[in-house]
PDB file of N, CA and C in Angstrom:
ATOM      1  N   MET A   1     279.803 230.899  68.012  1.00  0.00           N
ATOM      2  CA  MET A   1     279.184 231.479  69.060  1.00  0.00           C
ATOM      3  C   MET A   1     278.083 232.364  68.644  1.00  0.00           C
ATOM      4  N   PRO A   2     276.824 232.180  69.065  1.00  0.00           N
ATOM      5  CA  PRO A   2     275.721 233.088  68.613  1.00  0.00           C
ATOM      6  C   PRO A   2     275.894 234.495  69.094  1.00  0.00           C
ATOM      7  N   THR A   3     275.517 235.416  68.251  1.00  0.00           N
ATOM      8  CA  THR A   3     275.472 236.849  68.632  1.00  0.00           C
ATOM      9  C   THR A   3     274.234 237.073  69.469  1.00  0.00           C
ATOM     10  N   GLN A   4     274.424 238.163  70.236  1.00  0.00           N
ATOM     11  CA  GLN A   4     273.358 238.575  71.070  1.00  0.00           C
ATOM     12  C   GLN A   4     272.465 239.452  70.340  1.00  0.00           C
ATOM     13  N   ALA A   5     271.070 239.290  70.554  1.00  0.00           N
ATOM     14  CA  ALA A   5     270.115 240.129  69.899  1.00  0.00           C
ATOM     15  C   ALA A   5     270.236 241.545  70.427  1.00  0.00           C
ATOM     16  N   PRO A   6     269.897 242.516  69.578  1.00  0.00           N
ATOM     17  CA  PRO A   6     269.949 244.012  70.127  1.00  0.00           C
ATOM     18  C   PRO A   6     269.024 244.112  71.269  1.00  0.00           C
ATOM     19  N   GLU A   7     269.359 244.891  72.254  1.00  0.00           N
ATOM     20  CA  GLU A   7     268.509 245.185  73.385  1.00  0.00           C
ATOM     21  C   GLU A   7     267.355 245.934  72.980  1.00  0.00           C
ATOM     22  N   ASN A   8     266.196 245.356  73.436  1.00  0.00           N
ATOM     23  CA  ASN A   8     264.980 246.126  73.152  1.00  0.00           C
ATOM     24  C   ASN A   8     264.694 247.063  74.465  1.00  0.00           C
ATOM     25  N   LYS A   9     263.725 247.905  74.336  1.00  0.00           N
ATOM     26  CA  LYS A   9     263.352 248.875  75.409  1.00  0.00           C
ATOM     27  C   LYS A   9     262.092 248.598  76.104  1.00  0.00           C
ATOM     28  N   PHE A  10     261.615 247.305  75.876  1.00  0.00           N
ATOM     29  CA  PHE A  10     260.443 246.942  76.515  1.00  0.00           C
ATOM     30  C   PHE A  10     260.522 246.847  78.069  1.00  0.00           C
ATOM     31  N   GLN A  11     259.611 247.579  78.744  1.00  0.00           N
ATOM     32  CA  GLN A  11     259.601 247.575  80.177  1.00  0.00           C
ATOM     33  C   GLN A  11     258.272 247.182  80.697  1.00  0.00           C
ATOM     34  N   GLU A  12     258.232 245.972  81.191  1.00  0.00           N
ATOM     35  CA  GLU A  12     257.047 245.293  81.699  1.00  0.00           C
ATOM     36  C   GLU A  12     256.176 246.114  82.654  1.00  0.00           C
ATOM     37  N   VAL A  13     256.849 247.061  83.471  1.00  0.00           N
ATOM     38  CA  VAL A  13     256.151 247.758  84.433  1.00  0.00           C
ATOM     39  C   VAL A  13     255.076 248.771  83.714  1.00  0.00           C
ATOM     40  N   ARG A  14     255.425 249.053  82.455  1.00  0.00           N
ATOM     41  CA  ARG A  14     254.540 250.013  81.817  1.00  0.00           C
ATOM     42  C   ARG A  14     253.176 249.348  81.275  1.00  0.00           C
ATOM     43  N   CYS A  15     253.099 247.994  81.403  1.00  0.00           N
ATOM     44  CA  CYS A  15     251.917 247.263  81.227  1.00  0.00           C
ATOM     45  C   CYS A  15     251.310 246.740  82.489  1.00  0.00           C
ATOM     46  N   ALA A  16     251.663 247.192  83.545  1.00  0.00           N
ATOM     47  CA  ALA A  16     251.232 246.695  84.874  1.00  0.00           C
ATOM     48  C   ALA A  16     249.697 246.543  84.964  1.00  0.00           C
ATOM     49  N   ARG A  17     249.040 247.641  84.454  1.00  0.00           N
ATOM     50  CA  ARG A  17     247.496 247.695  84.505  1.00  0.00           C
ATOM     51  C   ARG A  17     246.978 246.474  83.842  1.00  0.00           C
ATOM     52  N   VAL A  18     247.403 246.370  82.479  1.00  0.00           N
ATOM     53  CA  VAL A  18     246.953 245.215  81.733  1.00  0.00           C
ATOM     54  C   VAL A  18     247.197 243.955  82.275  1.00  0.00           C
ATOM     55  N   PHE A  19     248.466 243.660  82.819  1.00  0.00           N
ATOM     56  CA  PHE A  19     248.663 242.344  83.291  1.00  0.00           C
ATOM     57  C   PHE A  19     247.828 242.072  84.550  1.00  0.00           C
ATOM     58  N   GLU A  20     247.589 243.160  85.321  1.00  0.00           N
ATOM     59  CA  GLU A  20     246.653 242.948  86.520  1.00  0.00           C
ATOM     60  C   GLU A  20     245.289 242.699  86.131  1.00  0.00           C
ATOM     61  N   SER A  21     244.715 243.417  85.084  1.00  0.00           N
ATOM     62  CA  SER A  21     243.495 243.070  84.532  1.00  0.00           C
ATOM     63  C   SER A  21     243.261 241.607  84.054  1.00  0.00           C
ATOM     64  N   MET A  22     244.329 241.197  83.357  1.00  0.00           N
ATOM     65  CA  MET A  22     244.396 239.856  82.894  1.00  0.00           C
ATOM     66  C   MET A  22     244.344 238.833  83.987  1.00  0.00           C
ATOM     67  N   ARG A  23     245.201 239.132  85.085  1.00  0.00           N
ATOM     68  CA  ARG A  23     245.216 238.336  86.222  1.00  0.00           C
ATOM     69  C   ARG A  23     243.923 238.083  86.919  1.00  0.00           C
ATOM     70  N   GLN A  24     243.173 239.241  87.091  1.00  0.00           N
ATOM     71  CA  GLN A  24     241.813 239.260  87.782  1.00  0.00           C
ATOM     72  C   GLN A  24     240.976 238.486  86.940  1.00  0.00           C
ATOM     73  N   CYS A  25     240.954 238.654  85.705  1.00  0.00           N
ATOM     74  CA  CYS A  25     240.014 237.937  84.755  1.00  0.00           C
ATOM     75  C   CYS A  25     240.312 236.447  84.999  1.00  0.00           C
ATOM     76  N   CYS A  26     241.670 236.113  84.766  1.00  0.00           N
ATOM     77  CA  CYS A  26     241.990 234.693  84.949  1.00  0.00           C
ATOM     78  C   CYS A  26     241.641 234.006  86.350  1.00  0.00           C
ATOM     79  N   LEU A  27     241.647 234.929  87.341  1.00  0.00           N
ATOM     80  CA  LEU A  27     241.330 234.346  88.619  1.00  0.00           C
ATOM     81  C   LEU A  27     239.821 233.973  88.762  1.00  0.00           C
ATOM     82  N   LYS A  28     238.932 234.795  87.949  1.00  0.00           N
ATOM     83  CA  LYS A  28     237.576 234.638  87.903  1.00  0.00           C
ATOM     84  C   LYS A  28     237.172 233.584  86.996  1.00  0.00           C
ATOM     85  N   PHE A  29     237.918 233.425  85.744  1.00  0.00           N
ATOM     86  CA  PHE A  29     237.367 232.547  84.728  1.00  0.00           C
ATOM     87  C   PHE A  29     238.266 231.361  84.294  1.00  0.00           C
ATOM     88  N   LYS A  30     239.278 231.046  85.114  1.00  0.00           N
ATOM     89  CA  LYS A  30     240.405 230.127  84.735  1.00  0.00           C
ATOM     90  C   LYS A  30     239.742 228.769  84.462  1.00  0.00           C
ATOM     91  N   HIS A  31     238.654 228.440  85.177  1.00  0.00           N
ATOM     92  CA  HIS A  31     238.122 227.118  85.068  1.00  0.00           C
ATOM     93  C   HIS A  31     237.345 227.026  83.697  1.00  0.00           C
ATOM     94  N   ILE A  32     237.170 228.024  83.024  1.00  0.00           N
ATOM     95  CA  ILE A  32     236.488 227.827  81.693  1.00  0.00           C
ATOM     96  C   ILE A  32     237.217 228.616  80.427  1.00  0.00           C
ATOM     97  N   SER A  33     238.391 229.081  80.834  1.00  0.00           N
ATOM     98  CA  SER A  33     239.156 229.838  79.753  1.00  0.00           C
ATOM     99  C   SER A  33     240.351 229.101  79.355  1.00  0.00           C
ATOM    100  N   LEU A  34     240.589 228.866  78.018  1.00  0.00           N
ATOM    101  CA  LEU A  34     241.780 228.386  77.504  1.00  0.00           C
ATOM    102  C   LEU A  34     242.870 229.407  77.506  1.00  0.00           C
ATOM    103  N   VAL A  35     242.462 230.674  77.448  1.00  0.00           N
ATOM    104  CA  VAL A  35     243.528 231.844  77.463  1.00  0.00           C
ATOM    105  C   VAL A  35     244.431 231.827  78.764  1.00  0.00           C
ATOM    106  N   CYS A  36     243.702 231.482  79.796  1.00  0.00           N
ATOM    107  CA  CYS A  36     244.381 231.505  81.143  1.00  0.00           C
ATOM    108  C   CYS A  36     245.211 230.312  81.526  1.00  0.00           C
ATOM    109  N   GLU A  37     245.214 229.292  80.563  1.00  0.00           N
ATOM    110  CA  GLU A  37     245.923 228.136  80.941  1.00  0.00           C
ATOM    111  C   GLU A  37     247.512 228.626  80.820  1.00  0.00           C
ATOM    112  N   GLY A  38     248.131 228.312  81.917  1.00  0.00           N
ATOM    113  CA  GLY A  38     249.628 228.746  82.011  1.00  0.00           C
ATOM    114  C   GLY A  38     249.827 230.062  82.332  1.00  0.00           C
ATOM    115  N   TYR A  39     248.784 230.946  82.533  1.00  0.00           N
ATOM    116  CA  TYR A  39     249.105 232.245  83.035  1.00  0.00           C
ATOM    117  C   TYR A  39     249.315 232.285  84.510  1.00  0.00           C
ATOM    118  N   ARG A  40     250.428 232.978  84.881  1.00  0.00           N
ATOM    119  CA  ARG A  40     250.814 233.273  86.371  1.00  0.00           C
ATOM    120  C   ARG A  40     249.653 234.005  86.976  1.00  0.00           C
ATOM    121  N   LEU A  41     249.161 233.399  88.058  1.00  0.00           N
ATOM    122  CA  LEU A  41     248.097 234.037  88.823  1.00  0.00           C
ATOM    123  C   LEU A  41     248.614 234.834  90.140  1.00  0.00           C
ATOM    124  N   GLU A  42     249.772 234.696  90.424  1.00  0.00           N
ATOM    125  CA  GLU A  42     250.232 235.464  91.534  1.00  0.00           C
ATOM    126  C   GLU A  42     250.618 236.837  91.142  1.00  0.00           C
ATOM    127  N   PRO A  43     250.463 237.846  91.980  1.00  0.00           N
ATOM    128  CA  PRO A  43     250.749 239.275  91.555  1.00  0.00           C
ATOM    129  C   PRO A  43     252.179 239.463  91.019  1.00  0.00           C
ATOM    130  N   ARG A  44     252.377 240.338  89.984  1.00  0.00           N
ATOM    131  CA  ARG A  44     253.690 240.504  89.549  1.00  0.00           C
ATOM    132  C   ARG A  44     254.468 241.548  90.221  1.00  0.00           C
ATOM    133  N   GLU A  45     255.788 241.410  90.228  1.00  0.00           N
ATOM    134  CA  GLU A  45     256.653 242.515  90.751  1.00  0.00           C
ATOM    135  C   GLU A  45     257.438 242.951  89.577  1.00  0.00           C
ATOM    136  N   PHE A  46     257.569 244.275  89.438  1.00  0.00           N
ATOM    137  CA  PHE A  46     258.168 244.884  88.213  1.00  0.00           C
ATOM    138  C   PHE A  46     259.377 245.618  88.575  1.00  0.00           C
ATOM    139  N   ALA A  47     260.396 245.680  87.735  1.00  0.00           N
ATOM    140  CA  ALA A  47     261.678 246.467  87.931  1.00  0.00           C
ATOM    141  C   ALA A  47     261.091 247.921  87.702  1.00  0.00           C
ATOM    142  N   PRO A  48     261.954 248.872  88.188  1.00  0.00           N
ATOM    143  CA  PRO A  48     261.512 250.269  87.832  1.00  0.00           C
ATOM    144  C   PRO A  48     261.713 250.699  86.424  1.00  0.00           C
ATOM    145  N   VAL A  49     261.038 251.669  85.995  1.00  0.00           N
ATOM    146  CA  VAL A  49     261.257 252.340  84.655  1.00  0.00           C
ATOM    147  C   VAL A  49     262.645 252.916  84.606  1.00  0.00           C
ATOM    148  N   THR A  50     263.366 252.645  83.534  1.00  0.00           N
ATOM    149  CA  THR A  50     264.779 253.052  83.476  1.00  0.00           C
ATOM    150  C   THR A  50     265.010 253.919  82.271  1.00  0.00           C
ATOM    151  N   ASP A  51     263.943 254.274  81.435  1.00  0.00           N
ATOM    152  CA  ASP A  51     264.351 255.205  80.347  1.00  0.00           C
ATOM    153  C   ASP A  51     263.783 256.549  80.431  1.00  0.00           C
ATOM    154  N   ARG A  52     263.586 257.015  81.644  1.00  0.00           N
ATOM    155  CA  ARG A  52     263.129 258.342  81.938  1.00  0.00           C
ATOM    156  C   ARG A  52     264.375 259.237  81.922  1.00  0.00           C
ATOM    157  N   PRO A  53     264.262 260.550  81.530  1.00  0.00           N
ATOM    158  CA  PRO A  53     265.466 261.407  81.604  1.00  0.00           C
ATOM    159  C   PRO A  53     265.880 261.666  83.007  1.00  0.00           C
ATOM    160  N   ASP A  54     267.164 261.864  83.228  1.00  0.00           N
ATOM    161  CA  ASP A  54     267.614 262.230  84.613  1.00  0.00           C
ATOM    162  C   ASP A  54     266.991 263.625  84.911  1.00  0.00           C
ATOM    163  N   LYS A  55     266.790 263.757  86.165  1.00  0.00           N
ATOM    164  CA  LYS A  55     266.346 265.037  86.706  1.00  0.00           C
ATOM    165  C   LYS A  55     267.436 265.670  87.490  1.00  0.00           C
ATOM    166  N   ASN A  56     268.229 266.426  86.827  1.00  0.00           N
ATOM    167  CA  ASN A  56     269.493 267.140  87.377  1.00  0.00           C
ATOM    168  C   ASN A  56     269.136 268.424  87.932  1.00  0.00           C
TER     169      ASN A  56
END
C-alpha cells in the first residue's frame, strides 16, 4: 500500500491575483497562445486561508 506524501501548506487562494491575471490574459489571447491551451477560463473559487493564527 503506498504511503501518503507529507501534507504541503500550499494555499491556492494566496495566488488568486496571479490566477486571475492569467485567466484575463488567456481570455484575450487564447486563440494565439499555446500557454493557454487547457487553462480553465471560468473564474476560480478558493478555499479560505487556514494557516493564520487564531485570534483569541
